[in-house]
Amino acid sequence: MTRNPLRAHFAVVSADEVRTRPRRFALAHATHLSSMEAHAHVEVEPAFLTQAEVAVLLGVPERTLEGWRLTKCGPPWLKLGRHVKYDGDDVLAWAREQRHG
């Protein structure tokens, strides 16, 4: 028989005990919700671009970006889990640095 390790963290309480416990959690939760509502109107644009989007932006094949990552000579990139992402501002700044003349 497998024992659930989380079971040890829960306790059986009566309905009377639940009604008489202080409601600190409910107050903290309500405060959190009100702060979320204050920021609900803010729209967030995606901050990171995919390899395909950067390839279109720079006008190069995706394989070129992969080669640049291997040789560390392309635009700065980051890895989020197994996904390669680019910051749009960093890509544009890198492209401006490549100007000659």
PDB file of N, CA and C in Angstrom:
ATOM      1  N   MET A   1       0.845  -1.188   0.000  1.00  0.00           N
ATOM      2  CA  MET A   1       0.000   0.000   0.000  1.00  0.00           C
ATOM      3  C   MET A   1       0.887   1.247   0.000  1.00  0.00           C
ATOM      4  N   THR A   2       0.617   2.172  -0.902  1.00  0.00           N
ATOM      5  CA  THR A   2       1.389   3.415  -1.003  1.00  0.00           C
ATOM      6  C   THR A   2       0.755   4.460  -0.103  1.00  0.00           C
ATOM      7  N   ARG A   3       1.599   5.150   0.653  1.00  0.00           N
ATOM      8  CA  ARG A   3       1.105   6.183   1.565  1.00  0.00           C
ATOM      9  C   ARG A   3       1.221   7.541   0.885  1.00  0.00           C
ATOM     10  N   ASN A   4       0.180   8.319   0.947  1.00  0.00           N
ATOM     11  CA  ASN A   4       0.178   9.658   0.373  1.00  0.00           C
ATOM     12  C   ASN A   4       0.919  10.591   1.328  1.00  0.00           C
ATOM     13  N   PRO A   5       2.057  11.182   0.938  1.00  0.00           N
ATOM     14  CA  PRO A   5       2.799  12.058   1.847  1.00  0.00           C
ATOM     15  C   PRO A   5       2.055  13.349   2.163  1.00  0.00           C
ATOM     16  N   LEU A   6       1.136  13.762   1.312  1.00  0.00           N
ATOM     17  CA  LEU A   6       0.396  14.996   1.570  1.00  0.00           C
ATOM     18  C   LEU A   6      -0.690  14.805   2.626  1.00  0.00           C
ATOM     19  N   ARG A   7      -1.126  13.586   2.805  1.00  0.00           N
ATOM     20  CA  ARG A   7      -2.194  13.322   3.764  1.00  0.00           C
ATOM     21  C   ARG A   7      -1.810  13.776   5.168  1.00  0.00           C
ATOM     22  N   ALA A   8      -0.527  13.708   5.506  1.00  0.00           N
ATOM     23  CA  ALA A   8      -0.077  14.091   6.837  1.00  0.00           C
ATOM     24  C   ALA A   8      -0.285  15.578   7.091  1.00  0.00           C
ATOM     25  N   HIS A   9      -0.414  16.390   6.046  1.00  0.00           N
ATOM     26  CA  HIS A   9      -0.570  17.834   6.221  1.00  0.00           C
ATOM     27  C   HIS A   9      -2.012  18.262   6.430  1.00  0.00           C
ATOM     28  N   PHE A  10      -2.941  17.376   6.244  1.00  0.00           N
ATOM     29  CA  PHE A  10      -4.343  17.708   6.389  1.00  0.00           C
ATOM     30  C   PHE A  10      -4.879  17.133   7.690  1.00  0.00           C
ATOM     31  N   ALA A  11      -5.779  17.864   8.302  1.00  0.00           N
ATOM     32  CA  ALA A  11      -6.386  17.398   9.541  1.00  0.00           C
ATOM     33  C   ALA A  11      -7.900  17.435   9.390  1.00  0.00           C
ATOM     34  N   VAL A  12      -8.553  16.516  10.036  1.00  0.00           N
ATOM     35  CA  VAL A  12     -10.010  16.488  10.026  1.00  0.00           C
ATOM     36  C   VAL A  12     -10.498  17.411  11.130  1.00  0.00           C
ATOM     37  N   VAL A  13     -11.367  18.366  10.768  1.00  0.00           N
ATOM     38  CA  VAL A  13     -11.913  19.303  11.748  1.00  0.00           C
ATOM     39  C   VAL A  13     -13.430  19.308  11.632  1.00  0.00           C
ATOM     40  N   SER A  14     -14.055  19.690  12.727  1.00  0.00           N
ATOM     41  CA  SER A  14     -15.521  19.734  12.728  1.00  0.00           C
ATOM     42  C   SER A  14     -15.998  21.021  12.073  1.00  0.00           C
ATOM     43  N   ALA A  15     -17.258  21.057  11.718  1.00  0.00           N
ATOM     44  CA  ALA A  15     -17.850  22.250  11.108  1.00  0.00           C
ATOM     45  C   ALA A  15     -17.823  23.425  12.071  1.00  0.00           C
ATOM     46  N   ASP A  16     -18.020  23.181  13.377  1.00  0.00           N
ATOM     47  CA  ASP A  16     -17.977  24.267  14.364  1.00  0.00           C
ATOM     48  C   ASP A  16     -16.591  24.894  14.428  1.00  0.00           C
ATOM     49  N   GLU A  17     -15.563  24.063  14.344  1.00  0.00           N
ATOM     50  CA  GLU A  17     -14.205  24.591  14.411  1.00  0.00           C
ATOM     51  C   GLU A  17     -13.892  25.434  13.173  1.00  0.00           C
ATOM     52  N   VAL A  18     -14.400  25.044  12.027  1.00  0.00           N
ATOM     53  CA  VAL A  18     -14.171  25.815  10.811  1.00  0.00           C
ATOM     54  C   VAL A  18     -14.825  27.181  10.923  1.00  0.00           C
ATOM     55  N   ARG A  19     -16.033  27.231  11.495  1.00  0.00           N
ATOM     56  CA  ARG A  19     -16.740  28.514  11.636  1.00  0.00           C
ATOM     57  C   ARG A  19     -16.070  29.437  12.629  1.00  0.00           C
ATOM     58  N   THR A  20     -15.383  28.900  13.631  1.00  0.00           N
ATOM     59  CA  THR A  20     -14.806  29.743  14.672  1.00  0.00           C
ATOM     60  C   THR A  20     -13.359  30.119  14.396  1.00  0.00           C
ATOM     61  N   ARG A  21     -12.742  29.567  13.364  1.00  0.00           N
ATOM     62  CA  ARG A  21     -11.353  29.915  13.048  1.00  0.00           C
ATOM     63  C   ARG A  21     -11.285  31.344  12.510  1.00  0.00           C
ATOM     64  N   PRO A  22     -10.176  32.031  12.771  1.00  0.00           N
ATOM     65  CA  PRO A  22     -10.030  33.378  12.215  1.00  0.00           C
ATOM     66  C   PRO A  22      -9.956  33.330  10.695  1.00  0.00           C
ATOM     67  N   ARG A  23     -10.414  34.371  10.057  1.00  0.00           N
ATOM     68  CA  ARG A  23     -10.481  34.403   8.595  1.00  0.00           C
ATOM     69  C   ARG A  23      -9.353  35.239   8.000  1.00  0.00           C
ATOM     70  N   ARG A  24      -8.147  35.033   8.453  1.00  0.00           N
ATOM     71  CA  ARG A  24      -7.012  35.783   7.923  1.00  0.00           C
ATOM     72  C   ARG A  24      -6.776  35.470   6.457  1.00  0.00           C
ATOM     73  N   PHE A  25      -6.919  34.224   6.079  1.00  0.00           N
ATOM     74  CA  PHE A  25      -6.683  33.839   4.682  1.00  0.00           C
ATOM     75  C   PHE A  25      -7.677  34.534   3.756  1.00  0.00           C
ATOM     76  N   ALA A  26      -8.914  34.586   4.157  1.00  0.00           N
ATOM     77  CA  ALA A  26      -9.932  35.210   3.314  1.00  0.00           C
ATOM     78  C   ALA A  26      -9.624  36.692   3.110  1.00  0.00           C
ATOM     79  N   LEU A  27      -9.145  37.378   4.143  1.00  0.00           N
ATOM     80  CA  LEU A  27      -8.806  38.786   4.026  1.00  0.00           C
ATOM     81  C   LEU A  27      -7.606  38.975   3.109  1.00  0.00           C
ATOM     82  N   ALA A  28      -6.575  38.157   3.274  1.00  0.00           N
ATOM     83  CA  ALA A  28      -5.393  38.270   2.427  1.00  0.00           C
ATOM     84  C   ALA A  28      -5.761  37.976   0.977  1.00  0.00           C
ATOM     85  N   HIS A  29      -6.623  37.004   0.771  1.00  0.00           N
ATOM     86  CA  HIS A  29      -7.040  36.653  -0.585  1.00  0.00           C
ATOM     87  C   HIS A  29      -7.824  37.804  -1.209  1.00  0.00           C
ATOM     88  N   ALA A  30      -8.695  38.435  -0.441  1.00  0.00           N
ATOM     89  CA  ALA A  30      -9.478  39.558  -0.952  1.00  0.00           C
ATOM     90  C   ALA A  30      -8.573  40.733  -1.293  1.00  0.00           C
ATOM     91  N   THR A  31      -7.543  40.976  -0.491  1.00  0.00           N
ATOM     92  CA  THR A  31      -6.604  42.056  -0.765  1.00  0.00           C
ATOM     93  C   THR A  31      -5.864  41.787  -2.064  1.00  0.00           C
ATOM     94  N   HIS A  32      -5.453  40.547  -2.262  1.00  0.00           N
ATOM     95  CA  HIS A  32      -4.746  40.173  -3.485  1.00  0.00           C
ATOM     96  C   HIS A  32      -5.648  40.382  -4.704  1.00  0.00           C
ATOM     97  N   LEU A  33      -6.896  40.008  -4.597  1.00  0.00           N
ATOM     98  CA  LEU A  33      -7.815  40.169  -5.717  1.00  0.00           C
ATOM     99  C   LEU A  33      -8.048  41.632  -6.041  1.00  0.00           C
ATOM    100  N   SER A  34      -8.146  42.481  -5.021  1.00  0.00           N
ATOM    101  CA  SER A  34      -8.377  43.894  -5.295  1.00  0.00           C
ATOM    102  C   SER A  34      -7.162  44.515  -5.975  1.00  0.00           C
ATOM    103  N   SER A  35      -5.944  44.065  -5.621  1.00  0.00           N
ATOM    104  CA  SER A  35      -4.761  44.605  -6.309  1.00  0.00           C
ATOM    105  C   SER A  35      -4.703  44.100  -7.734  1.00  0.00           C
ATOM    106  N   MET A  36      -5.196  42.883  -7.987  1.00  0.00           N
ATOM    107  CA  MET A  36      -5.229  42.362  -9.351  1.00  0.00           C
ATOM    108  C   MET A  36      -6.224  43.146 -10.197  1.00  0.00           C
ATOM    109  N   GLU A  37      -7.359  43.522  -9.615  1.00  0.00           N
ATOM    110  CA  GLU A  37      -8.363  44.275 -10.352  1.00  0.00           C
ATOM    111  C   GLU A  37      -7.834  45.648 -10.745  1.00  0.00           C
ATOM    112  N   ALA A  38      -6.980  46.232  -9.893  1.00  0.00           N
ATOM    113  CA  ALA A  38      -6.428  47.545 -10.189  1.00  0.00           C
ATOM    114  C   ALA A  38      -5.528  47.495 -11.416  1.00  0.00           C
ATOM    115  N   HIS A  39      -4.888  46.354 -11.663  1.00  0.00           N
ATOM    116  CA  HIS A  39      -3.976  46.219 -12.788  1.00  0.00           C
ATOM    117  C   HIS A  39      -4.590  45.432 -13.944  1.00  0.00           C
ATOM    118  N   ALA A  40      -5.872  45.144 -13.864  1.00  0.00           N
ATOM    119  CA  ALA A  40      -6.512  44.304 -14.879  1.00  0.00           C
ATOM    120  C   ALA A  40      -6.577  44.988 -16.243  1.00  0.00           C
ATOM    121  N   HIS A  41      -6.559  46.312 -16.281  1.00  0.00           N
ATOM    122  CA  HIS A  41      -6.682  47.019 -17.550  1.00  0.00           C
ATOM    123  C   HIS A  41      -5.374  47.106 -18.322  1.00  0.00           C
ATOM    124  N   VAL A  42      -4.256  46.706 -17.727  1.00  0.00           N
ATOM    125  CA  VAL A  42      -2.954  46.785 -18.372  1.00  0.00           C
ATOM    126  C   VAL A  42      -2.827  45.654 -19.390  1.00  0.00           C
ATOM    127  N   GLU A  43      -2.497  46.009 -20.632  1.00  0.00           N
ATOM    128  CA  GLU A  43      -2.293  45.007 -21.668  1.00  0.00           C
ATOM    129  C   GLU A  43      -0.803  44.771 -21.834  1.00  0.00           C
ATOM    130  N   VAL A  44      -0.402  43.514 -21.866  1.00  0.00           N
ATOM    131  CA  VAL A  44       0.998  43.165 -21.976  1.00  0.00           C
ATOM    132  C   VAL A  44       1.255  42.602 -23.370  1.00  0.00           C
ATOM    133  N   GLU A  45       2.211  43.203 -24.056  1.00  0.00           N
ATOM    134  CA  GLU A  45       2.598  42.695 -25.369  1.00  0.00           C
ATOM    135  C   GLU A  45       3.605  41.568 -25.183  1.00  0.00           C
ATOM    136  N   PRO A  46       3.640  40.619 -26.105  1.00  0.00           N
ATOM    137  CA  PRO A  46       4.637  39.566 -25.981  1.00  0.00           C
ATOM    138  C   PRO A  46       6.038  40.164 -26.045  1.00  0.00           C
ATOM    139  N   ALA A  47       6.870  39.799 -25.097  1.00  0.00           N
ATOM    140  CA  ALA A  47       8.199  40.385 -25.004  1.00  0.00           C
ATOM    141  C   ALA A  47       9.216  39.638 -25.849  1.00  0.00           C
ATOM    142  N   PHE A  48       8.966  38.373 -26.149  1.00  0.00           N
ATOM    143  CA  PHE A  48       9.959  37.567 -26.824  1.00  0.00           C
ATOM    144  C   PHE A  48       9.463  37.097 -28.183  1.00  0.00           C
ATOM    145  N   LEU A  49      10.416  36.963 -29.109  1.00  0.00           N
ATOM    146  CA  LEU A  49      10.113  36.509 -30.456  1.00  0.00           C
ATOM    147  C   LEU A  49      10.634  35.089 -30.648  1.00  0.00           C
ATOM    148  N   THR A  50       9.976  34.346 -31.499  1.00  0.00           N
ATOM    149  CA  THR A  50      10.436  33.003 -31.828  1.00  0.00           C
ATOM    150  C   THR A  50      11.509  33.078 -32.904  1.00  0.00           C
ATOM    151  N   GLN A  51      12.154  31.972 -33.148  1.00  0.00           N
ATOM    152  CA  GLN A  51      13.179  31.909 -34.181  1.00  0.00           C
ATOM    153  C   GLN A  51      12.593  32.253 -35.550  1.00  0.00           C
ATOM    154  N   ALA A  52      11.391  31.755 -35.834  1.00  0.00           N
ATOM    155  CA  ALA A  52      10.749  32.039 -37.119  1.00  0.00           C
ATOM    156  C   ALA A  52      10.462  33.527 -37.272  1.00  0.00           C
ATOM    157  N   GLU A  53      10.009  34.173 -36.200  1.00  0.00           N
ATOM    158  CA  GLU A  53       9.706  35.608 -36.264  1.00  0.00           C
ATOM    159  C   GLU A  53      10.973  36.434 -36.482  1.00  0.00           C
ATOM    160  N   VAL A  54      12.056  36.036 -35.825  1.00  0.00           N
ATOM    161  CA  VAL A  54      13.320  36.768 -35.991  1.00  0.00           C
ATOM    162  C   VAL A  54      13.865  36.559 -37.405  1.00  0.00           C
ATOM    163  N   ALA A  55      13.706  35.356 -37.936  1.00  0.00           N
ATOM    164  CA  ALA A  55      14.164  35.087 -39.302  1.00  0.00           C
ATOM    165  C   ALA A  55      13.446  35.983 -40.299  1.00  0.00           C
ATOM    166  N   VAL A  56      12.144  36.157 -40.121  1.00  0.00           N
ATOM    167  CA  VAL A  56      11.373  37.045 -40.998  1.00  0.00           C
ATOM    168  C   VAL A  56      11.807  38.492 -40.790  1.00  0.00           C
ATOM    169  N   LEU A  57      12.001  38.894 -39.537  1.00  0.00           N
ATOM    170  CA  LEU A  57      12.392  40.267 -39.221  1.00  0.00           C
ATOM    171  C   LEU A  57      13.733  40.623 -39.860  1.00  0.00           C
ATOM    172  N   LEU A  58      14.691  39.712 -39.790  1.00  0.00           N
ATOM    173  CA  LEU A  58      16.025  39.979 -40.320  1.00  0.00           C
ATOM    174  C   LEU A  58      16.169  39.589 -41.786  1.00  0.00           C
ATOM    175  N   GLY A  59      15.215  38.830 -42.309  1.00  0.00           N
ATOM    176  CA  GLY A  59      15.280  38.408 -43.701  1.00  0.00           C
ATOM    177  C   GLY A  59      16.325  37.337 -43.950  1.00  0.00           C
ATOM    178  N   VAL A  60      16.506  36.447 -42.990  1.00  0.00           N
ATOM    179  CA  VAL A  60      17.465  35.354 -43.137  1.00  0.00           C
ATOM    180  C   VAL A  60      16.749  34.029 -42.854  1.00  0.00           C
ATOM    181  N   PRO A  61      17.289  32.914 -43.366  1.00  0.00           N
ATOM    182  CA  PRO A  61      16.673  31.617 -43.060  1.00  0.00           C
ATOM    183  C   PRO A  61      16.842  31.249 -41.584  1.00  0.00           C
ATOM    184  N   GLU A  62      15.942  30.420 -41.090  1.00  0.00           N
ATOM    185  CA  GLU A  62      16.036  29.971 -39.699  1.00  0.00           C
ATOM    186  C   GLU A  62      17.330  29.216 -39.447  1.00  0.00           C
ATOM    187  N   ARG A  63      17.796  28.468 -40.448  1.00  0.00           N
ATOM    188  CA  ARG A  63      19.052  27.721 -40.296  1.00  0.00           C
ATOM    189  C   ARG A  63      20.236  28.664 -40.068  1.00  0.00           C
ATOM    190  N   THR A  64      20.173  29.859 -40.620  1.00  0.00           N
ATOM    191  CA  THR A  64      21.229  30.849 -40.382  1.00  0.00           C
ATOM    192  C   THR A  64      21.245  31.254 -38.918  1.00  0.00           C
ATOM    193  N   LEU A  65      20.072  31.469 -38.350  1.00  0.00           N
ATOM    194  CA  LEU A  65      20.002  31.796 -36.919  1.00  0.00           C
ATOM    195  C   LEU A  65      20.570  30.666 -36.078  1.00  0.00           C
ATOM    196  N   GLU A  66      20.260  29.432 -36.445  1.00  0.00           N
ATOM    197  CA  GLU A  66      20.790  28.288 -35.706  1.00  0.00           C
ATOM    198  C   GLU A  66      22.322  28.264 -35.782  1.00  0.00           C
ATOM    199  N   GLY A  67      22.861  28.534 -36.957  1.00  0.00           N
ATOM    200  CA  GLY A  67      24.316  28.590 -37.120  1.00  0.00           C
ATOM    201  C   GLY A  67      24.931  29.707 -36.298  1.00  0.00           C
ATOM    202  N   TRP A  68      24.292  30.861 -36.293  1.00  0.00           N
ATOM    203  CA  TRP A  68      24.781  31.978 -35.491  1.00  0.00           C
ATOM    204  C   TRP A  68      24.791  31.650 -34.008  1.00  0.00           C
ATOM    205  N   ARG A  69      23.767  30.911 -33.556  1.00  0.00           N
ATOM    206  CA  ARG A  69      23.749  30.528 -32.137  1.00  0.00           C
ATOM    207  C   ARG A  69      24.918  29.603 -31.813  1.00  0.00           C
ATOM    208  N   LEU A  70      25.212  28.671 -32.720  1.00  0.00           N
ATOM    209  CA  LEU A  70      26.315  27.733 -32.487  1.00  0.00           C
ATOM    210  C   LEU A  70      27.666  28.439 -32.466  1.00  0.00           C
ATOM    211  N   THR A  71      27.835  29.433 -33.342  1.00  0.00           N
ATOM    212  CA  THR A  71      29.111  30.153 -33.411  1.00  0.00           C
ATOM    213  C   THR A  71      29.135  31.393 -32.519  1.00  0.00           C
ATOM    214  N   LYS A  72      28.034  31.663 -31.861  1.00  0.00           N
ATOM    215  CA  LYS A  72      27.904  32.809 -30.939  1.00  0.00           C
ATOM    216  C   LYS A  72      28.219  34.139 -31.616  1.00  0.00           C
ATOM    217  N   CYS A  73      27.724  34.295 -32.839  1.00  0.00           N
ATOM    218  CA  CYS A  73      27.971  35.557 -33.533  1.00  0.00           C
ATOM    219  C   CYS A  73      26.675  36.258 -33.942  1.00  0.00           C
ATOM    220  N   GLY A  74      25.532  35.738 -33.567  1.00  0.00           N
ATOM    221  CA  GLY A  74      24.256  36.328 -33.952  1.00  0.00           C
ATOM    222  C   GLY A  74      23.659  37.173 -32.849  1.00  0.00           C
ATOM    223  N   PRO A  75      22.386  37.508 -32.985  1.00  0.00           N
ATOM    224  CA  PRO A  75      21.714  38.306 -31.956  1.00  0.00           C
ATOM    225  C   PRO A  75      21.604  37.522 -30.651  1.00  0.00           C
ATOM    226  N   PRO A  76      21.572  38.234 -29.508  1.00  0.00           N
ATOM    227  CA  PRO A  76      21.445  37.554 -28.218  1.00  0.00           C
ATOM    228  C   PRO A  76      20.138  36.766 -28.140  1.00  0.00           C
ATOM    229  N   TRP A  77      20.184  35.618 -27.517  1.00  0.00           N
ATOM    230  CA  TRP A  77      19.017  34.744 -27.403  1.00  0.00           C
ATOM    231  C   TRP A  77      18.984  34.150 -26.011  1.00  0.00           C
ATOM    232  N   LEU A  78      17.868  33.591 -25.666  1.00  0.00           N
ATOM    233  CA  LEU A  78      17.751  32.904 -24.383  1.00  0.00           C
ATOM    234  C   LEU A  78      16.931  31.652 -24.570  1.00  0.00           C
ATOM    235  N   LYS A  79      17.084  30.756 -23.639  1.00  0.00           N
ATOM    236  CA  LYS A  79      16.380  29.491 -23.717  1.00  0.00           C
ATOM    237  C   LYS A  79      15.407  29.416 -22.550  1.00  0.00           C
ATOM    238  N   LEU A  80      14.143  29.263 -22.843  1.00  0.00           N
ATOM    239  CA  LEU A  80      13.098  29.101 -21.836  1.00  0.00           C
ATOM    240  C   LEU A  80      12.615  27.667 -21.938  1.00  0.00           C
ATOM    241  N   GLY A  81      13.117  26.836 -21.041  1.00  0.00           N
ATOM    242  CA  GLY A  81      12.833  25.415 -21.149  1.00  0.00           C
ATOM    243  C   GLY A  81      13.537  24.889 -22.377  1.00  0.00           C
ATOM    244  N   ARG A  82      12.791  24.353 -23.312  1.00  0.00           N
ATOM    245  CA  ARG A  82      13.386  23.873 -24.558  1.00  0.00           C
ATOM    246  C   ARG A  82      13.162  24.837 -25.715  1.00  0.00           C
ATOM    247  N   HIS A  83      12.630  26.002 -25.431  1.00  0.00           N
ATOM    248  CA  HIS A  83      12.290  26.970 -26.471  1.00  0.00           C
ATOM    249  C   HIS A  83      13.346  28.070 -26.554  1.00  0.00           C
ATOM    250  N   VAL A  84      13.787  28.372 -27.749  1.00  0.00           N
ATOM    251  CA  VAL A  84      14.712  29.476 -27.987  1.00  0.00           C
ATOM    252  C   VAL A  84      13.882  30.722 -28.252  1.00  0.00           C
ATOM    253  N   LYS A  85      14.187  31.791 -27.530  1.00  0.00           N
ATOM    254  CA  LYS A  85      13.452  33.048 -27.681  1.00  0.00           C
ATOM    255  C   LYS A  85      14.437  34.193 -27.843  1.00  0.00           C
ATOM    256  N   TYR A  86      13.978  35.237 -28.499  1.00  0.00           N
ATOM    257  CA  TYR A  86      14.772  36.439 -28.717  1.00  0.00           C
ATOM    258  C   TYR A  86      14.007  37.645 -28.196  1.00  0.00           C
ATOM    259  N   ASP A  87      14.708  38.558 -27.552  1.00  0.00           N
ATOM    260  CA  ASP A  87      14.105  39.823 -27.153  1.00  0.00           C
ATOM    261  C   ASP A  87      14.143  40.735 -28.378  1.00  0.00           C
ATOM    262  N   GLY A  88      13.008  41.248 -28.767  1.00  0.00           N
ATOM    263  CA  GLY A  88      12.921  42.069 -29.975  1.00  0.00           C
ATOM    264  C   GLY A  88      13.837  43.275 -29.946  1.00  0.00           C
ATOM    265  N   ASP A  89      13.938  43.939 -28.799  1.00  0.00           N
ATOM    266  CA  ASP A  89      14.816  45.106 -28.686  1.00  0.00           C
ATOM    267  C   ASP A  89      16.280  44.711 -28.870  1.00  0.00           C
ATOM    268  N   ASP A  90      16.670  43.556 -28.301  1.00  0.00           N
ATOM    269  CA  ASP A  90      18.048  43.083 -28.443  1.00  0.00           C
ATOM    270  C   ASP A  90      18.372  42.747 -29.896  1.00  0.00           C
ATOM    271  N   VAL A  91      17.409  42.156 -30.590  1.00  0.00           N
ATOM    272  CA  VAL A  91      17.628  41.797 -31.994  1.00  0.00           C
ATOM    273  C   VAL A  91      17.833  43.053 -32.829  1.00  0.00           C
ATOM    274  N   LEU A  92      17.000  44.063 -32.621  1.00  0.00           N
ATOM    275  CA  LEU A  92      17.134  45.303 -33.389  1.00  0.00           C
ATOM    276  C   LEU A  92      18.436  46.030 -33.053  1.00  0.00           C
ATOM    277  N   ALA A  93      18.825  46.026 -31.768  1.00  0.00           N
ATOM    278  CA  ALA A  93      20.088  46.657 -31.370  1.00  0.00           C
ATOM    279  C   ALA A  93      21.269  45.923 -32.016  1.00  0.00           C
ATOM    280  N   TRP A  94      21.220  44.585 -32.026  1.00  0.00           N
ATOM    281  CA  TRP A  94      22.284  43.802 -32.656  1.00  0.00           C
ATOM    282  C   TRP A  94      22.358  44.116 -34.156  1.00  0.00           C
ATOM    283  N   ALA A  95      21.212  44.215 -34.815  1.00  0.00           N
ATOM    284  CA  ALA A  95      21.187  44.508 -36.245  1.00  0.00           C
ATOM    285  C   ALA A  95      21.786  45.881 -36.526  1.00  0.00           C
ATOM    286  N   ARG A  96      21.515  46.867 -35.673  1.00  0.00           N
ATOM    287  CA  ARG A  96      22.083  48.204 -35.870  1.00  0.00           C
ATOM    288  C   ARG A  96      23.603  48.173 -35.717  1.00  0.00           C
ATOM    289  N   GLU A  97      24.119  47.328 -34.814  1.00  0.00           N
ATOM    290  CA  GLU A  97      25.570  47.231 -34.614  1.00  0.00           C
ATOM    291  C   GLU A  97      26.265  46.624 -35.831  1.00  0.00           C
ATOM    292  N   GLN A  98      25.535  45.935 -36.690  1.00  0.00           N
ATOM    293  CA  GLN A  98      26.140  45.265 -37.853  1.00  0.00           C
ATOM    294  C   GLN A  98      26.320  46.199 -39.032  1.00  0.00           C
ATOM    295  N   ARG A  99      25.904  47.457 -38.894  1.00  0.00           N
ATOM    296  CA  ARG A  99      26.033  48.421 -39.991  1.00  0.00           C
ATOM    297  C   ARG A  99      27.495  48.685 -40.323  1.00  0.00           C
ATOM    298  N   HIS A 100      27.753  48.867 -41.587  1.00  0.00           N
ATOM    299  CA  HIS A 100      29.100  49.236 -42.063  1.00  0.00           C
ATOM    300  C   HIS A 100      28.942  50.424 -42.988  1.00  0.00           C
ATOM    301  N   GLY A 101      29.694  51.477 -42.700  1.00  0.00           N
ATOM    302  CA  GLY A 101      29.691  52.642 -43.571  1.00  0.00           C
ATOM    303  C   GLY A 101      28.658  53.654 -43.301  1.00  0.00           C
TER     304      GLY A 101
END
